[in-house]
Amino acid sequence: MACMACAFAPRGDSQLDLHHLDPISEGQRRTRLEDLAVLCANCHRFAHSVEPPMGVEGLRLAVGGVD
């Protein structure tokens, strides 16, 4: 498994986060798998550095990650 933004692939999955594509703060409480993105900790922090949080495509452009 690897970060969907930068393609970082740790040896263990403990270094990966799940990012809600539709922020929980916007009221949606039930999360489906397709509403999540696998991100490394760095990309996840970067996604939340702006309001609203970035999606995977925006992150890919910002970090020059996978196509």
Protein backbone atom coordinates (compact mmCIF):
# COMPACT_ATOMS: atom_id res chain seq x y z
CA MET A 1 0.00 0.00 0.00
CA ALA A 2 1.27 3.49 -0.83
CA CYS A 3 0.34 7.15 -0.48
CA MET A 4 -2.13 8.09 -3.22
CA ALA A 5 -0.51 11.54 -3.57
CA CYS A 6 3.27 11.02 -3.49
CA ALA A 7 3.55 7.21 -3.81
CA PHE A 8 5.53 6.82 -0.56
CA ALA A 9 5.36 3.13 0.35
CA PRO A 10 6.46 2.38 3.91
CA ARG A 11 7.46 -1.08 5.01
CA GLY A 12 4.53 -1.17 7.39
CA ASP A 13 1.06 0.32 7.02
CA SER A 14 1.37 2.15 10.35
CA GLN A 15 2.94 5.13 8.55
CA LEU A 16 -0.14 5.69 6.39
CA ASP A 17 -3.26 7.68 7.25
CA LEU A 18 -6.81 7.67 5.94
CA HIS A 19 -8.01 11.06 4.70
CA HIS A 20 -11.74 11.80 4.51
CA LEU A 21 -12.46 13.21 1.05
CA ASP A 22 -15.69 14.69 2.41
CA PRO A 23 -14.72 16.29 5.74
CA ILE A 24 -16.53 14.92 8.78
CA SER A 25 -16.97 18.52 9.94
CA GLU A 26 -19.38 19.04 7.04
CA GLY A 27 -21.89 16.73 8.67
CA GLN A 28 -21.37 13.35 7.03
CA ARG A 29 -20.93 10.80 9.80
CA ARG A 30 -20.99 7.50 7.91
CA THR A 31 -17.84 6.93 5.94
CA ARG A 32 -17.67 4.61 2.95
CA LEU A 33 -14.37 3.21 1.67
CA GLU A 34 -14.69 5.23 -1.52
CA ASP A 35 -14.83 8.40 0.63
CA LEU A 36 -11.29 7.77 1.94
CA ALA A 37 -7.83 8.28 0.50
CA VAL A 38 -4.64 6.60 1.73
CA LEU A 39 -2.01 9.27 2.44
CA CYS A 40 1.37 9.33 4.13
CA ALA A 41 1.51 11.46 7.28
CA ASN A 42 3.27 14.32 5.46
CA CYS A 43 0.70 14.54 2.65
CA HIS A 44 -2.14 14.23 5.16
CA ARG A 45 -0.82 17.19 7.16
CA PHE A 46 -0.30 19.14 3.94
CA ALA A 47 -3.88 18.39 2.82
CA HIS A 48 -5.18 19.95 6.04
CA SER A 49 -2.93 23.01 5.84
CA VAL A 50 -5.60 24.83 3.80
CA GLU A 51 -9.34 25.32 4.16
CA PRO A 52 -11.11 23.40 2.79
CA PRO A 53 -8.66 20.50 2.88
CA MET A 54 -7.10 19.47 -0.43
CA GLY A 55 -8.21 16.40 -2.30
CA VAL A 56 -5.88 13.81 -3.78
CA GLU A 57 -5.62 15.52 -7.19
CA GLY A 58 -4.63 18.83 -5.62
CA LEU A 59 -2.05 17.07 -3.49
CA ARG A 60 -0.59 15.26 -6.49
CA LEU A 61 -0.12 18.56 -8.28
CA ALA A 62 1.34 20.25 -5.20
CA VAL A 63 3.84 17.53 -4.33
CA GLY A 64 4.61 16.42 -7.89
CA GLY A 65 3.41 12.92 -7.08
CA VAL A 66 1.95 10.05 -9.04
CA ASP A 67 -0.19 10.56 -12.14
